[in-house]
Each structure stands twice: as structure tokens, then as C-alpha cells.
């Protein structure tokens, strides 16, 4: 059987708007048979995002790896992991209480280990600085430093790719539209901090998503 000449890519995948947009772009660029997705159960307060991730990966026909790291809850606690905590983006706080300390560092390391086992060099993440909500591990400087770290740790030449790094949410909707997937992203991805299917419309994540969608449609029309 003839081997594919396309490079394989691994998408760190939550089932949300950003990572699904990155997954669709990877499928467009490399072909679905050359794309893997990896998701993490880290003790998040709602199962809906993992359910969405599994459904989307199956629907899009990509190999999907789900990794259980739920013992993460023994190390830290925050509003995304404590179902009794109130979601807050309070001004004056060092970080929003939805920030999960060390999460992206752990995700990148584990994704790199899986990528190494599969011979994959391109690792794609849907993080961005533009609408990063004050999360330090979504900054370009952090991603570049982790790229160096995992390459040194495993003597590899991984490429951490961040297609959305300097896009705002309006531009991310535009990217989905250009991929022919605007309605697919809107109808099948999950962003809500409160775990409401279809979105609560009130949490900071829903407000950013909904406002940027309406603004994109206004600009488009």
C-alpha cells in the first residue's frame, strides 16, 4: 500500500469553537486520514465538552485519543473544575478563576508524548493571545518556550502550530466560514463555562462567542 506523503498532524482538541476550527483546517490541509485529535479529561466540571469532542472526531472521521488525567484535581482547584464555584472574570484578580494552572503545559507535554509514538511532528493548538482572557499559558511566548522544552526533552523536532494566535473571535468565525463550516461550528461545538448545551448566553465565554458571531455576520453582510 502506498504511504501518504502528507505530514501527519495532531490537534489538541476540546470540542470547542477554537480547537474545532483548527481541526477542520488541519483536515483541509493534510487530509482527514493524516490528522489525529487528542482530548483530556482533567476533572472538568461538565462532561458535555468531552462528549462533543468524541462526537465531532467521529463525525469528522479522525483518529481520536482521549486521555484521563482526572487526578489533576488533586493538585489544583478552580471554577472550571469545581461545580459549586461561581464563574468570575473579576477585575483586579491576578487571573480569572477559570484559569487552570499548568493545564496547557501538561496538555502540550502529553500531546508530544503521543505524537512521538505516532511519528507526528506537527502539534496544533487553538490558543490565542487576542481573546485569551488573561491566561498566561495562551501567550505566544509560552508556546514557543514549550516547543523548545519538548524538543529538548525528547530530542525531536516537533512544531507547535497556533493558527489562531493573533486572531480575535470575529476572525476565527471568518476562518470557519472560509472553511465552509460556519454553521457546523455554531451548531456542534461547545464553549459554555456552565455546561449548557447550546450555551447559557450569560457566562463570559458565551458572551464572547455570541457577540463575535453577531459582529462577524454584521461585517459579512
N, C-alpha and C. Protein backbone atom coordinates (compact mmCIF):
# COMPACT_ATOMS: atom_id res chain seq x y z
N UNK A 1 0.84 -1.20 0.00
CA UNK A 1 0.00 0.00 0.00
C UNK A 1 0.88 1.25 0.00
N UNK A 2 0.55 2.19 -0.85
CA UNK A 2 1.33 3.41 -0.95
C UNK A 2 1.14 4.27 0.29
N UNK A 3 2.24 4.70 0.89
CA UNK A 3 2.17 5.53 2.08
C UNK A 3 1.87 6.98 1.69
N UNK A 4 1.11 7.66 2.56
CA UNK A 4 0.81 9.06 2.31
C UNK A 4 2.07 9.89 2.41
N UNK A 5 2.19 10.89 1.53
CA UNK A 5 3.34 11.79 1.59
C UNK A 5 3.02 13.04 2.40
N UNK A 6 1.79 13.15 2.87
CA UNK A 6 1.42 14.31 3.67
C UNK A 6 1.93 14.14 5.10
N UNK A 7 2.38 15.22 5.72
CA UNK A 7 2.78 15.12 7.13
C UNK A 7 1.56 14.92 8.00
N UNK A 8 1.71 14.14 9.05
CA UNK A 8 0.61 13.96 9.99
C UNK A 8 0.57 15.11 10.97
N UNK A 9 -0.60 15.41 11.46
CA UNK A 9 -0.78 16.49 12.43
C UNK A 9 -1.64 15.99 13.57
N UNK A 10 -1.36 16.49 14.77
CA UNK A 10 -2.12 16.18 15.97
C UNK A 10 -2.74 17.47 16.48
N UNK A 11 -4.05 17.47 16.67
CA UNK A 11 -4.76 18.64 17.18
C UNK A 11 -5.15 18.40 18.63
N UNK A 12 -4.73 19.30 19.51
CA UNK A 12 -5.19 19.27 20.90
C UNK A 12 -6.63 19.78 20.89
N UNK A 13 -7.56 18.91 21.29
CA UNK A 13 -8.96 19.10 20.91
C UNK A 13 -9.90 19.05 22.10
N UNK A 14 -10.64 20.14 22.32
CA UNK A 14 -11.58 20.20 23.44
C UNK A 14 -13.03 20.04 23.01
N UNK A 15 -13.30 20.17 21.72
CA UNK A 15 -14.68 20.18 21.26
C UNK A 15 -15.29 21.57 21.24
N UNK A 16 -14.45 22.58 21.52
CA UNK A 16 -14.91 23.96 21.50
C UNK A 16 -14.72 24.61 20.14
N UNK A 17 -15.12 25.87 20.04
CA UNK A 17 -15.05 26.59 18.77
C UNK A 17 -13.63 26.64 18.22
N UNK A 18 -12.68 27.02 19.06
CA UNK A 18 -11.32 27.25 18.57
C UNK A 18 -10.64 25.97 18.11
N UNK A 19 -10.67 24.95 18.95
CA UNK A 19 -9.96 23.72 18.58
C UNK A 19 -10.65 23.00 17.43
N UNK A 20 -11.98 23.13 17.33
CA UNK A 20 -12.68 22.50 16.20
C UNK A 20 -12.35 23.22 14.90
N UNK A 21 -12.23 24.54 14.95
CA UNK A 21 -11.81 25.29 13.77
C UNK A 21 -10.41 24.84 13.34
N UNK A 22 -9.52 24.66 14.31
CA UNK A 22 -8.17 24.18 13.99
C UNK A 22 -8.21 22.77 13.42
N UNK A 23 -9.09 21.93 13.95
CA UNK A 23 -9.20 20.56 13.44
C UNK A 23 -9.68 20.56 11.99
N UNK A 24 -10.67 21.39 11.70
CA UNK A 24 -11.17 21.47 10.33
C UNK A 24 -10.11 22.00 9.37
N UNK A 25 -9.33 22.96 9.83
CA UNK A 25 -8.25 23.46 8.98
C UNK A 25 -7.20 22.38 8.74
N UNK A 26 -6.88 21.60 9.78
CA UNK A 26 -5.90 20.52 9.63
C UNK A 26 -6.40 19.47 8.64
N UNK A 27 -7.68 19.13 8.72
CA UNK A 27 -8.26 18.18 7.77
C UNK A 27 -8.15 18.73 6.35
N UNK A 28 -8.44 20.01 6.21
CA UNK A 28 -8.33 20.66 4.89
C UNK A 28 -6.90 20.62 4.37
N UNK A 29 -5.93 20.85 5.26
CA UNK A 29 -4.54 20.97 4.84
C UNK A 29 -3.86 19.62 4.62
N UNK A 30 -4.19 18.63 5.47
CA UNK A 30 -3.44 17.37 5.47
C UNK A 30 -4.26 16.15 5.05
N UNK A 31 -5.58 16.28 5.03
CA UNK A 31 -6.45 15.13 4.77
C UNK A 31 -6.81 14.44 6.07
N UNK A 32 -8.06 14.05 6.21
CA UNK A 32 -8.54 13.51 7.49
C UNK A 32 -7.78 12.26 7.92
N UNK A 33 -7.31 11.48 6.94
CA UNK A 33 -6.60 10.25 7.30
C UNK A 33 -5.22 10.55 7.90
N UNK A 34 -4.76 11.78 7.79
CA UNK A 34 -3.45 12.16 8.31
C UNK A 34 -3.55 13.04 9.55
N UNK A 35 -4.75 13.16 10.10
CA UNK A 35 -4.96 14.02 11.27
C UNK A 35 -5.44 13.19 12.45
N UNK A 36 -4.80 13.39 13.59
CA UNK A 36 -5.24 12.81 14.85
C UNK A 36 -5.71 13.95 15.76
N UNK A 37 -6.58 13.63 16.70
CA UNK A 37 -7.00 14.59 17.72
C UNK A 37 -6.78 13.96 19.09
N UNK A 38 -6.43 14.78 20.07
CA UNK A 38 -6.23 14.29 21.43
C UNK A 38 -6.99 15.20 22.39
N UNK A 39 -7.75 14.58 23.30
CA UNK A 39 -8.54 15.32 24.29
C UNK A 39 -8.18 14.82 25.68
N UNK A 40 -8.44 15.66 26.68
CA UNK A 40 -8.05 15.33 28.05
C UNK A 40 -9.23 15.48 29.01
N UNK A 41 -9.43 14.44 29.80
CA UNK A 41 -10.36 14.52 30.92
C UNK A 41 -9.53 14.90 32.14
N UNK A 42 -9.57 16.18 32.50
CA UNK A 42 -8.71 16.68 33.58
C UNK A 42 -9.51 17.00 34.84
N UNK A 43 -10.75 16.51 34.90
CA UNK A 43 -11.60 16.78 36.05
C UNK A 43 -12.50 17.98 35.85
N UNK A 44 -12.73 18.36 34.59
CA UNK A 44 -13.60 19.49 34.31
C UNK A 44 -15.01 19.21 34.84
N UNK A 45 -15.71 20.27 35.20
CA UNK A 45 -16.97 20.14 35.93
C UNK A 45 -18.11 19.58 35.08
N UNK A 46 -17.97 19.61 33.76
CA UNK A 46 -19.03 19.11 32.89
C UNK A 46 -18.48 18.11 31.88
N UNK A 47 -19.25 17.06 31.62
CA UNK A 47 -18.85 16.06 30.63
C UNK A 47 -19.19 16.46 29.20
N UNK A 48 -20.00 17.50 29.04
CA UNK A 48 -20.51 17.82 27.72
C UNK A 48 -19.40 18.12 26.72
N UNK A 49 -18.31 18.77 27.18
CA UNK A 49 -17.28 19.12 26.20
C UNK A 49 -16.56 17.88 25.69
N UNK A 50 -16.36 16.88 26.56
CA UNK A 50 -15.75 15.63 26.10
C UNK A 50 -16.70 14.86 25.20
N UNK A 51 -17.99 14.90 25.53
CA UNK A 51 -18.98 14.24 24.67
C UNK A 51 -18.98 14.90 23.28
N UNK A 52 -18.90 16.22 23.26
CA UNK A 52 -18.84 16.94 21.98
C UNK A 52 -17.57 16.56 21.22
N UNK A 53 -16.45 16.50 21.93
CA UNK A 53 -15.18 16.18 21.28
C UNK A 53 -15.23 14.79 20.64
N UNK A 54 -15.78 13.83 21.37
CA UNK A 54 -15.88 12.46 20.84
C UNK A 54 -16.80 12.42 19.62
N UNK A 55 -17.93 13.11 19.72
CA UNK A 55 -18.88 13.12 18.60
C UNK A 55 -18.27 13.79 17.37
N UNK A 56 -17.63 14.92 17.58
CA UNK A 56 -17.05 15.66 16.46
C UNK A 56 -15.94 14.87 15.78
N UNK A 57 -15.06 14.25 16.57
CA UNK A 57 -13.97 13.47 15.99
C UNK A 57 -14.52 12.32 15.15
N UNK A 58 -15.57 11.66 15.67
CA UNK A 58 -16.17 10.57 14.92
C UNK A 58 -16.86 11.10 13.66
N UNK A 59 -17.58 12.20 13.79
CA UNK A 59 -18.29 12.75 12.65
C UNK A 59 -17.33 13.22 11.55
N UNK A 60 -16.18 13.74 11.97
CA UNK A 60 -15.21 14.25 11.01
C UNK A 60 -14.25 13.16 10.52
N UNK A 61 -14.32 12.00 11.15
CA UNK A 61 -13.55 10.85 10.66
C UNK A 61 -12.08 10.89 10.96
N UNK A 62 -11.71 11.45 12.14
CA UNK A 62 -10.29 11.49 12.50
C UNK A 62 -10.03 10.57 13.69
N UNK A 63 -8.82 10.07 13.77
CA UNK A 63 -8.39 9.25 14.90
C UNK A 63 -8.40 10.12 16.15
N UNK A 64 -9.02 9.62 17.23
CA UNK A 64 -9.20 10.43 18.44
C UNK A 64 -8.68 9.68 19.65
N UNK A 65 -7.82 10.32 20.41
CA UNK A 65 -7.27 9.76 21.64
C UNK A 65 -7.80 10.56 22.81
N UNK A 66 -8.45 9.88 23.76
CA UNK A 66 -8.94 10.53 24.98
C UNK A 66 -8.10 10.06 26.16
N UNK A 67 -7.49 11.00 26.86
CA UNK A 67 -6.56 10.68 27.94
C UNK A 67 -7.17 11.14 29.27
N UNK A 68 -7.21 10.24 30.23
CA UNK A 68 -7.77 10.56 31.55
C UNK A 68 -6.66 11.03 32.48
N UNK A 69 -6.70 12.31 32.82
CA UNK A 69 -5.76 12.86 33.81
C UNK A 69 -6.57 13.54 34.91
N UNK A 70 -7.66 12.89 35.31
CA UNK A 70 -8.58 13.49 36.27
C UNK A 70 -7.96 13.68 37.65
N UNK A 71 -6.85 13.01 37.93
CA UNK A 71 -6.17 13.23 39.21
C UNK A 71 -5.56 14.63 39.29
N UNK A 72 -5.63 15.36 38.19
CA UNK A 72 -5.25 16.78 38.17
C UNK A 72 -5.98 17.53 39.28
N UNK A 73 -7.18 17.08 39.62
CA UNK A 73 -7.98 17.76 40.65
C UNK A 73 -7.34 17.66 42.03
N UNK A 74 -6.40 16.74 42.22
CA UNK A 74 -5.70 16.63 43.50
C UNK A 74 -4.63 17.71 43.66
N UNK A 75 -4.31 18.37 42.56
CA UNK A 75 -3.23 19.36 42.58
C UNK A 75 -3.73 20.79 42.62
N UNK A 76 -4.91 21.03 42.05
CA UNK A 76 -5.39 22.41 41.95
C UNK A 76 -6.92 22.41 41.87
N UNK A 77 -7.50 23.56 42.12
CA UNK A 77 -8.95 23.70 42.01
C UNK A 77 -9.27 25.08 41.45
N UNK A 78 -10.32 25.15 40.66
CA UNK A 78 -10.75 26.42 40.08
C UNK A 78 -12.18 26.27 39.59
N UNK A 79 -12.71 27.32 39.01
CA UNK A 79 -14.12 27.32 38.65
C UNK A 79 -14.47 26.37 37.51
N UNK A 80 -13.50 25.96 36.71
CA UNK A 80 -13.79 25.00 35.65
C UNK A 80 -13.78 23.57 36.14
N UNK A 81 -13.31 23.37 37.38
CA UNK A 81 -13.23 22.01 37.93
C UNK A 81 -14.13 21.82 39.15
N UNK A 82 -14.59 22.91 39.74
CA UNK A 82 -15.45 22.85 40.92
C UNK A 82 -16.86 23.27 40.52
N UNK A 83 -17.79 22.31 40.53
CA UNK A 83 -19.14 22.61 40.05
C UNK A 83 -19.90 23.56 40.96
N UNK A 84 -19.38 23.78 42.17
CA UNK A 84 -20.05 24.70 43.09
C UNK A 84 -19.49 26.11 43.03
N UNK A 85 -18.42 26.29 42.29
CA UNK A 85 -17.79 27.61 42.21
C UNK A 85 -18.53 28.50 41.22
N UNK A 86 -18.58 29.77 41.53
CA UNK A 86 -19.18 30.74 40.62
C UNK A 86 -18.15 31.21 39.61
N UNK A 87 -18.52 31.21 38.34
CA UNK A 87 -17.62 31.69 37.29
C UNK A 87 -17.43 33.18 37.46
N UNK A 88 -16.16 33.61 37.51
CA UNK A 88 -15.89 35.03 37.72
C UNK A 88 -14.73 35.49 36.85
N UNK A 89 -14.90 36.63 36.24
CA UNK A 89 -13.82 37.29 35.49
C UNK A 89 -13.49 38.60 36.20
N UNK A 90 -13.51 38.57 37.52
CA UNK A 90 -13.42 39.79 38.32
C UNK A 90 -12.17 40.59 37.99
N UNK A 91 -12.36 41.87 37.80
CA UNK A 91 -11.24 42.76 37.57
C UNK A 91 -10.46 42.92 38.87
N UNK A 92 -9.16 43.05 38.73
CA UNK A 92 -8.33 43.20 39.91
C UNK A 92 -7.71 41.90 40.35
N UNK A 93 -8.32 40.78 39.98
CA UNK A 93 -7.73 39.48 40.29
C UNK A 93 -6.55 39.24 39.36
N UNK A 94 -5.57 38.46 39.85
CA UNK A 94 -4.39 38.18 39.02
C UNK A 94 -4.80 37.47 37.74
N UNK A 95 -5.66 36.45 37.88
CA UNK A 95 -6.19 35.72 36.73
C UNK A 95 -7.68 35.48 36.97
N UNK A 96 -8.47 35.27 35.91
CA UNK A 96 -9.85 34.83 36.09
C UNK A 96 -9.87 33.49 36.83
N UNK A 97 -10.95 33.21 37.57
CA UNK A 97 -10.96 31.95 38.32
C UNK A 97 -11.26 30.74 37.44
N UNK A 98 -11.34 30.97 36.13
CA UNK A 98 -11.43 29.86 35.18
C UNK A 98 -10.05 29.42 34.69
N UNK A 99 -9.01 30.09 35.14
CA UNK A 99 -7.65 29.71 34.74
C UNK A 99 -7.25 28.44 35.47
N UNK A 100 -6.84 27.41 34.72
CA UNK A 100 -6.39 26.14 35.29
C UNK A 100 -4.87 26.14 35.24
N UNK A 101 -4.25 26.32 36.39
CA UNK A 101 -2.79 26.46 36.45
C UNK A 101 -2.08 25.24 35.87
N UNK A 102 -1.21 25.49 34.91
CA UNK A 102 -0.39 24.42 34.34
C UNK A 102 -1.08 23.55 33.30
N UNK A 103 -2.35 23.80 33.03
CA UNK A 103 -3.10 22.91 32.15
C UNK A 103 -2.49 22.80 30.76
N UNK A 104 -2.23 23.92 30.12
CA UNK A 104 -1.71 23.85 28.75
C UNK A 104 -0.31 23.26 28.70
N UNK A 105 0.48 23.49 29.74
CA UNK A 105 1.81 22.88 29.79
C UNK A 105 1.70 21.36 29.83
N UNK A 106 0.79 20.86 30.66
CA UNK A 106 0.57 19.42 30.76
C UNK A 106 0.02 18.88 29.44
N UNK A 107 -0.96 19.57 28.88
CA UNK A 107 -1.54 19.12 27.60
C UNK A 107 -0.47 19.01 26.52
N UNK A 108 0.39 20.02 26.43
CA UNK A 108 1.41 20.01 25.38
C UNK A 108 2.40 18.88 25.60
N UNK A 109 2.81 18.67 26.84
CA UNK A 109 3.75 17.58 27.12
C UNK A 109 3.14 16.23 26.76
N UNK A 110 1.91 15.98 27.21
CA UNK A 110 1.26 14.70 26.93
C UNK A 110 0.98 14.54 25.43
N UNK A 111 0.57 15.61 24.79
CA UNK A 111 0.35 15.54 23.34
C UNK A 111 1.64 15.22 22.61
N UNK A 112 2.74 15.76 23.09
CA UNK A 112 4.04 15.49 22.46
C UNK A 112 4.45 14.04 22.63
N UNK A 113 4.16 13.47 23.79
CA UNK A 113 4.47 12.05 24.02
C UNK A 113 3.67 11.19 23.05
N UNK A 114 2.38 11.50 22.91
CA UNK A 114 1.55 10.74 21.97
C UNK A 114 2.03 10.95 20.53
N UNK A 115 2.33 12.19 20.19
CA UNK A 115 2.81 12.49 18.83
C UNK A 115 4.08 11.70 18.53
N UNK A 116 4.98 11.62 19.48
CA UNK A 116 6.22 10.87 19.28
C UNK A 116 5.93 9.41 18.99
N UNK A 117 4.94 8.85 19.68
CA UNK A 117 4.61 7.44 19.49
C UNK A 117 3.99 7.17 18.12
N UNK A 118 3.43 8.21 17.51
CA UNK A 118 2.75 8.07 16.22
C UNK A 118 3.59 8.61 15.05
N UNK A 119 4.76 9.12 15.35
CA UNK A 119 5.59 9.69 14.30
C UNK A 119 5.07 11.02 13.78
N UNK A 120 4.32 11.72 14.61
CA UNK A 120 3.73 13.01 14.22
C UNK A 120 4.63 14.14 14.70
N UNK A 121 4.87 15.12 13.86
CA UNK A 121 5.72 16.24 14.23
C UNK A 121 4.95 17.55 14.42
N UNK A 122 3.80 17.68 13.79
CA UNK A 122 3.03 18.92 13.88
C UNK A 122 1.95 18.78 14.95
N UNK A 123 2.00 19.62 15.96
CA UNK A 123 1.03 19.63 17.04
C UNK A 123 0.31 20.98 17.00
N UNK A 124 -0.99 20.93 16.82
CA UNK A 124 -1.77 22.15 16.58
C UNK A 124 -2.62 22.46 17.81
N UNK A 125 -2.57 23.72 18.23
CA UNK A 125 -3.33 24.17 19.40
C UNK A 125 -4.18 25.38 19.04
N UNK A 126 -5.36 25.48 19.64
CA UNK A 126 -6.27 26.57 19.33
C UNK A 126 -6.17 27.74 20.28
N UNK A 127 -5.00 27.95 20.87
CA UNK A 127 -4.84 29.06 21.81
C UNK A 127 -4.64 30.36 21.04
N UNK A 128 -4.95 31.48 21.71
CA UNK A 128 -4.72 32.78 21.08
C UNK A 128 -4.47 33.83 22.14
N UNK A 129 -3.69 34.84 21.78
CA UNK A 129 -3.41 35.95 22.68
C UNK A 129 -4.51 37.00 22.64
N UNK A 130 -5.18 37.13 21.52
CA UNK A 130 -6.08 38.26 21.30
C UNK A 130 -7.25 38.26 22.26
N UNK A 131 -7.88 37.11 22.44
CA UNK A 131 -9.02 36.98 23.35
C UNK A 131 -8.70 35.96 24.44
N UNK A 132 -7.49 36.03 24.99
CA UNK A 132 -7.04 34.93 25.85
C UNK A 132 -7.50 35.04 27.30
N UNK A 133 -8.28 36.06 27.62
CA UNK A 133 -8.93 36.18 28.93
C UNK A 133 -7.95 36.27 30.10
N UNK A 134 -6.71 36.64 29.83
CA UNK A 134 -5.74 36.77 30.90
C UNK A 134 -5.02 35.49 31.24
N UNK A 135 -5.15 34.46 30.42
CA UNK A 135 -4.48 33.19 30.69
C UNK A 135 -3.03 33.27 30.21
N UNK A 136 -2.05 33.14 31.10
CA UNK A 136 -0.65 33.27 30.67
C UNK A 136 -0.19 32.14 29.77
N UNK A 137 -0.85 30.97 29.85
CA UNK A 137 -0.40 29.84 29.03
C UNK A 137 -1.04 29.81 27.65
N UNK A 138 -1.67 30.92 27.26
CA UNK A 138 -2.15 31.07 25.89
C UNK A 138 -1.29 32.04 25.09
N UNK A 139 -0.24 32.55 25.72
CA UNK A 139 0.62 33.53 25.05
C UNK A 139 1.61 32.85 24.10
N UNK A 140 1.97 33.57 23.06
CA UNK A 140 2.92 33.04 22.08
C UNK A 140 4.26 32.73 22.72
N UNK A 141 4.70 33.57 23.65
CA UNK A 141 6.00 33.34 24.30
C UNK A 141 6.00 32.02 25.07
N UNK A 142 4.87 31.68 25.67
CA UNK A 142 4.77 30.40 26.39
C UNK A 142 4.81 29.23 25.41
N UNK A 143 4.04 29.31 24.33
CA UNK A 143 4.02 28.22 23.35
C UNK A 143 5.41 28.00 22.77
N UNK A 144 6.10 29.07 22.43
CA UNK A 144 7.45 28.94 21.88
C UNK A 144 8.39 28.29 22.90
N UNK A 145 8.26 28.66 24.16
CA UNK A 145 9.13 28.06 25.18
C UNK A 145 8.82 26.59 25.38
N UNK A 146 7.55 26.21 25.31
CA UNK A 146 7.19 24.79 25.42
C UNK A 146 7.67 24.01 24.21
N UNK A 147 7.67 24.64 23.06
CA UNK A 147 8.17 23.97 21.85
C UNK A 147 9.64 23.60 22.04
N UNK A 148 10.41 24.54 22.58
CA UNK A 148 11.82 24.26 22.86
C UNK A 148 11.94 23.16 23.91
N UNK A 149 11.12 23.23 24.95
CA UNK A 149 11.23 22.27 26.06
C UNK A 149 10.93 20.84 25.62
N UNK A 150 9.84 20.63 24.87
CA UNK A 150 9.51 19.26 24.48
C UNK A 150 10.50 18.72 23.46
N UNK A 151 11.04 19.58 22.63
CA UNK A 151 12.06 19.13 21.68
C UNK A 151 13.33 18.71 22.40
N UNK A 152 13.73 19.47 23.41
CA UNK A 152 14.90 19.09 24.19
C UNK A 152 14.63 17.84 25.01
N UNK A 153 13.41 17.72 25.55
CA UNK A 153 13.08 16.58 26.40
C UNK A 153 13.10 15.26 25.65
N UNK A 154 12.74 15.29 24.37
CA UNK A 154 12.62 14.06 23.59
C UNK A 154 13.55 13.99 22.39
N UNK A 155 14.42 15.00 22.27
CA UNK A 155 15.36 15.05 21.14
C UNK A 155 14.61 14.92 19.81
N UNK A 156 13.52 15.68 19.69
CA UNK A 156 12.70 15.67 18.48
C UNK A 156 12.64 17.07 17.89
N UNK A 157 11.96 17.18 16.77
CA UNK A 157 11.76 18.49 16.16
C UNK A 157 10.27 18.74 15.92
N UNK A 158 9.51 18.66 17.01
CA UNK A 158 8.08 18.98 16.95
C UNK A 158 7.90 20.44 16.54
N UNK A 159 6.78 20.69 15.89
CA UNK A 159 6.35 22.06 15.59
C UNK A 159 5.03 22.30 16.31
N UNK A 160 5.02 23.22 17.25
CA UNK A 160 3.76 23.63 17.88
C UNK A 160 3.17 24.75 17.02
N UNK A 161 2.01 24.48 16.45
CA UNK A 161 1.39 25.39 15.50
C UNK A 161 0.14 25.99 16.12
N UNK A 162 0.02 27.31 16.06
CA UNK A 162 -1.11 28.02 16.68
C UNK A 162 -1.78 28.93 15.65
N UNK A 163 -2.67 28.38 14.83
CA UNK A 163 -3.27 29.16 13.73
C UNK A 163 -4.08 30.37 14.19
N UNK A 164 -4.55 30.35 15.44
CA UNK A 164 -5.43 31.42 15.92
C UNK A 164 -4.71 32.44 16.79
N UNK A 165 -3.39 32.31 16.95
CA UNK A 165 -2.67 33.08 17.96
C UNK A 165 -2.98 34.57 17.92
N UNK A 166 -3.04 35.15 16.73
CA UNK A 166 -3.25 36.59 16.64
C UNK A 166 -4.58 36.95 15.99
N UNK A 167 -5.52 36.00 16.04
CA UNK A 167 -6.87 36.27 15.55
C UNK A 167 -7.80 36.57 16.72
N UNK A 168 -8.73 37.50 16.54
CA UNK A 168 -9.78 37.65 17.54
C UNK A 168 -10.93 36.71 17.16
N UNK A 169 -11.96 36.68 18.00
CA UNK A 169 -13.05 35.73 17.77
C UNK A 169 -13.80 36.00 16.47
N UNK A 170 -13.91 37.27 16.09
CA UNK A 170 -14.57 37.58 14.82
C UNK A 170 -13.79 36.94 13.67
N UNK A 171 -12.48 37.06 13.72
CA UNK A 171 -11.65 36.47 12.67
C UNK A 171 -11.68 34.95 12.71
N UNK A 172 -11.87 34.38 13.90
CA UNK A 172 -11.99 32.92 14.00
C UNK A 172 -13.28 32.44 13.34
N UNK A 173 -14.37 33.20 13.53
CA UNK A 173 -15.60 32.87 12.81
C UNK A 173 -15.40 32.98 11.30
N UNK A 174 -14.67 34.01 10.89
CA UNK A 174 -14.38 34.17 9.46
C UNK A 174 -13.60 32.98 8.93
N UNK A 175 -12.64 32.51 9.70
CA UNK A 175 -11.85 31.35 9.29
C UNK A 175 -12.75 30.13 9.12
N UNK A 176 -13.66 29.93 10.07
CA UNK A 176 -14.60 28.81 9.95
C UNK A 176 -15.46 28.94 8.70
N UNK A 177 -15.88 30.16 8.41
CA UNK A 177 -16.70 30.41 7.23
C UNK A 177 -15.92 30.10 5.95
N UNK A 178 -14.66 30.50 5.92
CA UNK A 178 -13.82 30.25 4.74
C UNK A 178 -13.58 28.76 4.54
N UNK A 179 -13.66 27.99 5.63
CA UNK A 179 -13.53 26.54 5.54
C UNK A 179 -14.86 25.87 5.19
N UNK A 180 -15.90 26.69 5.01
CA UNK A 180 -17.22 26.16 4.70
C UNK A 180 -17.90 25.52 5.88
N UNK A 181 -17.54 25.97 7.09
CA UNK A 181 -18.00 25.28 8.30
C UNK A 181 -18.60 26.23 9.33
N UNK A 182 -19.08 27.39 8.91
CA UNK A 182 -19.62 28.35 9.87
C UNK A 182 -20.78 27.75 10.66
N UNK A 183 -21.76 27.20 9.97
CA UNK A 183 -22.92 26.61 10.65
C UNK A 183 -22.52 25.38 11.46
N UNK A 184 -21.59 24.60 10.94
CA UNK A 184 -21.13 23.40 11.65
C UNK A 184 -20.52 23.78 13.00
N UNK A 185 -19.65 24.79 12.99
CA UNK A 185 -19.03 25.25 14.23
C UNK A 185 -20.09 25.80 15.18
N UNK A 186 -20.99 26.60 14.67
CA UNK A 186 -22.01 27.22 15.52
C UNK A 186 -22.91 26.17 16.16
N UNK A 187 -23.28 25.15 15.40
CA UNK A 187 -24.28 24.19 15.87
C UNK A 187 -23.71 23.02 16.65
N UNK A 188 -22.43 22.71 16.48
CA UNK A 188 -21.93 21.46 17.05
C UNK A 188 -20.80 21.62 18.06
N UNK A 189 -20.31 22.83 18.30
CA UNK A 189 -19.22 22.99 19.26
C UNK A 189 -19.75 23.54 20.58
N UNK A 190 -18.96 23.32 21.63
CA UNK A 190 -19.37 23.73 22.97
C UNK A 190 -18.36 24.70 23.56
N UNK A 191 -18.86 25.80 24.09
CA UNK A 191 -18.00 26.82 24.67
C UNK A 191 -18.41 27.19 26.09
N UNK A 192 -19.64 26.94 26.46
CA UNK A 192 -20.23 27.44 27.70
C UNK A 192 -19.52 26.94 28.96
N UNK A 193 -19.12 27.87 29.82
CA UNK A 193 -18.48 27.52 31.09
C UNK A 193 -19.42 26.75 32.01
N UNK A 194 -20.73 26.97 31.86
CA UNK A 194 -21.70 26.34 32.76
C UNK A 194 -22.19 24.99 32.25
N UNK A 195 -21.70 24.58 31.10
CA UNK A 195 -22.04 23.25 30.59
C UNK A 195 -23.42 23.14 29.97
N UNK A 196 -24.00 24.26 29.59
CA UNK A 196 -25.34 24.25 28.99
C UNK A 196 -25.20 23.93 27.51
N UNK A 197 -25.87 22.89 27.06
CA UNK A 197 -25.82 22.53 25.65
C UNK A 197 -26.46 23.64 24.82
N UNK A 198 -25.73 24.17 23.88
CA UNK A 198 -26.21 25.31 23.12
C UNK A 198 -25.83 26.64 23.73
N UNK A 199 -25.29 26.60 24.96
CA UNK A 199 -24.81 27.82 25.62
C UNK A 199 -25.83 28.45 26.53
N UNK A 200 -25.34 28.99 27.66
CA UNK A 200 -26.23 29.68 28.59
C UNK A 200 -26.50 31.11 28.15
N UNK A 201 -25.58 31.67 27.36
CA UNK A 201 -25.73 33.04 26.90
C UNK A 201 -25.31 34.09 27.90
N UNK A 202 -24.92 33.66 29.11
CA UNK A 202 -24.62 34.61 30.17
C UNK A 202 -23.17 34.58 30.63
N UNK A 203 -22.53 33.43 30.59
CA UNK A 203 -21.15 33.34 31.09
C UNK A 203 -20.21 34.10 30.15
N UNK A 204 -19.02 34.48 30.62
CA UNK A 204 -18.11 35.26 29.77
C UNK A 204 -17.78 34.58 28.45
N UNK A 205 -17.67 33.26 28.46
CA UNK A 205 -17.33 32.53 27.24
C UNK A 205 -18.47 32.60 26.22
N UNK A 206 -19.69 32.42 26.70
CA UNK A 206 -20.86 32.52 25.80
C UNK A 206 -21.01 33.93 25.25
N UNK A 207 -20.80 34.93 26.10
CA UNK A 207 -20.95 36.31 25.65
C UNK A 207 -19.95 36.64 24.56
N UNK A 208 -18.70 36.21 24.75
CA UNK A 208 -17.67 36.46 23.74
C UNK A 208 -18.02 35.75 22.44
N UNK A 209 -18.44 34.50 22.56
CA UNK A 209 -18.79 33.72 21.37
C UNK A 209 -19.96 34.35 20.62
N UNK A 210 -21.03 34.64 21.35
CA UNK A 210 -22.25 35.16 20.70
C UNK A 210 -22.05 36.55 20.11
N UNK A 211 -21.38 37.42 20.87
CA UNK A 211 -21.16 38.78 20.38
C UNK A 211 -20.27 38.79 19.13
N UNK A 212 -19.24 37.96 19.15
CA UNK A 212 -18.34 37.92 18.00
C UNK A 212 -19.03 37.32 16.78
N UNK A 213 -19.92 36.36 17.00
CA UNK A 213 -20.66 35.77 15.89
C UNK A 213 -21.57 36.82 15.24
N UNK A 214 -22.30 37.55 16.07
CA UNK A 214 -23.19 38.59 15.54
C UNK A 214 -22.38 39.68 14.84
N UNK A 215 -21.24 40.03 15.40
CA UNK A 215 -20.40 41.06 14.78
C UNK A 215 -19.83 40.57 13.44
N UNK A 216 -19.49 39.28 13.38
CA UNK A 216 -18.98 38.75 12.11
C UNK A 216 -20.07 38.79 11.04
N UNK A 217 -21.27 38.37 11.41
CA UNK A 217 -22.37 38.39 10.43
C UNK A 217 -22.65 39.81 9.96
N UNK A 218 -22.57 40.78 10.88
CA UNK A 218 -22.81 42.17 10.51
C UNK A 218 -21.74 42.67 9.53
N UNK A 219 -20.49 42.30 9.78
CA UNK A 219 -19.41 42.70 8.89
C UNK A 219 -19.52 42.01 7.53
N UNK A 220 -19.92 40.75 7.57
CA UNK A 220 -20.05 39.97 6.33
C UNK A 220 -21.15 40.53 5.44
N UNK A 221 -22.23 40.95 6.06
CA UNK A 221 -23.39 41.41 5.30
C UNK A 221 -23.36 42.92 5.03
